[in-house]
Protein backbone atom coordinates (compact mmCIF):
# COMPACT_ATOMS: atom_id res chain seq x y z
CA MET A 1 10.20 294.57 134.51
CA ILE A 2 11.95 291.23 134.92
CA PHE A 3 11.86 288.75 132.06
CA ARG A 4 11.63 285.05 132.89
CA LYS A 5 13.70 284.12 129.85
CA THR A 6 16.70 285.96 131.33
CA THR A 7 16.13 285.23 135.02
CA SER A 8 16.30 281.89 136.81
CA LYS A 9 13.40 280.35 138.69
CA GLU A 10 15.41 280.62 141.90
CA GLU A 11 16.13 284.34 141.39
CA ILE A 12 12.46 285.09 140.73
CA ASN A 13 11.36 283.11 143.79
CA GLU A 14 13.88 284.95 145.98
CA MET A 15 12.78 288.38 144.69
CA ALA A 16 9.11 287.50 145.20
CA LYS A 17 9.73 286.18 148.72
CA ALA A 18 11.62 289.40 149.52
CA GLY A 19 8.66 291.46 148.28
CA LYS A 20 10.60 292.88 145.33
CA LEU A 21 8.11 291.42 142.82
CA THR A 22 4.37 291.63 143.49
CA PHE A 23 2.77 291.21 140.05
CA ALA A 24 3.37 288.93 137.10
CA GLY A 25 2.09 288.57 133.59
CA ALA A 26 2.75 287.35 130.10
CA SER A 27 4.12 289.55 127.35
CA SER A 28 2.11 287.50 124.85
CA THR A 29 -1.24 288.54 126.36
CA LYS A 30 -0.28 291.80 128.13
CA ILE A 31 -2.27 290.74 131.22
CA TYR A 32 -0.95 291.07 134.78
CA GLY A 33 -2.03 289.42 138.02
CA GLU A 34 -0.99 289.26 141.63
CA ILE A 35 1.78 286.95 142.80
CA ARG A 36 1.30 284.47 145.62
CA VAL A 37 4.41 283.20 147.34
CA THR A 38 4.48 279.75 148.93
CA ASN A 39 7.38 277.76 150.32
CA LYS A 40 7.77 275.82 147.07
CA GLU A 41 7.15 278.32 144.29
CA THR A 42 5.82 281.65 143.17
CA SER A 43 2.50 281.48 141.37
CA LYS A 44 -0.31 283.65 140.15
CA LYS A 45 -2.86 284.41 142.85
CA CYS A 46 -5.64 283.22 140.53
CA GLY A 47 -7.46 280.20 141.91
CA GLY A 48 -6.86 277.52 139.30
CA ALA A 49 -3.92 279.12 137.51
CA THR A 50 -0.83 277.08 136.93
CA SER A 51 2.50 278.23 138.25
CA LEU A 52 3.86 281.32 136.55
CA ILE A 53 7.34 279.97 136.85
CA LYS A 54 7.88 277.11 134.44
CA SER A 55 9.45 273.88 135.58
CA ALA A 56 13.18 273.39 135.22
CA ASN A 57 12.49 271.22 132.16
CA ALA A 58 10.68 273.99 130.24
CA ASP A 59 12.54 275.98 127.62
CA GLN A 60 13.20 279.14 129.60
CA SER A 61 14.45 281.00 126.50
CA LYS A 62 10.95 280.90 124.96
CA SER A 63 9.09 282.10 128.04
CA THR A 64 6.81 285.14 127.74
CA GLN A 65 6.53 285.53 131.53
CA VAL A 66 7.32 288.92 133.03
CA PHE A 67 7.41 290.12 136.62
CA PHE A 68 6.75 293.59 138.05
CA VAL A 69 7.76 295.38 141.22
CA ASP A 70 4.26 296.80 141.56
CA GLU A 71 1.00 297.42 139.74
CA ILE A 72 2.15 300.84 138.57
CA GLU A 73 5.00 299.26 136.62
CA ALA A 74 2.62 296.78 134.97
CA LEU A 75 0.23 299.55 133.94
CA GLU A 76 3.04 301.77 132.67
CA LYS A 77 4.21 298.91 130.44
CA GLY A 78 0.74 298.64 128.89
CA TYR A 79 -0.56 295.55 130.69
CA ARG A 80 -4.19 295.15 131.77
CA PRO A 81 -5.64 293.54 134.93
CA CYS A 82 -6.39 289.81 135.04
CA LYS A 83 -10.10 288.93 135.06
CA SER A 84 -9.58 286.06 137.50
CA CYS A 85 -7.59 287.62 140.33
CA LEU A 86 -8.32 291.33 139.76
CA THR A 87 -11.98 291.04 138.75
CA SER A 88 -13.22 294.49 139.72
CA LEU A 89 -10.22 296.23 138.13
CA ALA A 90 -10.58 294.12 134.99
CA ASN A 91 -14.26 295.08 134.78
CA GLU A 92 -13.38 298.77 135.17
CA TRP A 93 -10.74 298.44 132.45
CA GLU A 94 -13.14 296.58 130.15
CA ASN A 95 -15.86 299.22 130.58
CA ALA A 96 -13.49 302.16 130.07
CA VAL A 97 -13.93 303.93 126.76
CA ASP A 98 -10.33 305.17 126.82
CA LYS A 99 -8.06 302.40 128.14
CA LYS A 100 -4.97 304.64 128.31
CA ALA A 101 -6.87 307.26 130.33
CA TRP A 102 -8.13 304.52 132.67
CA ALA A 103 -4.55 303.28 133.20
CA LYS A 104 -3.30 306.82 133.85
CA ASN A 105 -6.07 307.43 136.40
CA ARG A 106 -5.31 304.09 138.11
CA ILE A 107 -1.60 304.95 138.29
CA ASP A 108 -2.41 308.38 139.74
CA LYS A 109 -4.68 306.75 142.34
CA LEU A 110 -2.03 304.19 143.32
CA ARG A 111 0.63 306.89 143.65
CA ALA A 112 -1.68 309.02 145.80
CA GLU A 113 -2.38 306.04 148.08
CA ALA A 114 1.34 305.28 148.36
CA SER A 115 2.17 308.85 149.38
CA LYS A 116 -0.26 308.81 152.33
């Protein structure tokens, strides 16, 4: 997990463009979403979401933004799927009686898919 407060905007953009970061979230809400990379910036894939990377004028030291290599890492850190960009997963999570068991099953599924 990469913390925005200790990593520059440029470093995060470079890692995202290189495919080293694919999900992002906020430690304040414990929600993760997909990253979209454009020529100018890295942002959440959500339609109307504002950029996940604060402007150079924002106080970086107070940022709650976090970035993940993959969805497994986000789930292992206790984050849940975003309702806007991961709607079906968020609905599954919301309907799960045992959220930790749901996350474990999702991680197992993702690992199985990756090993194919």
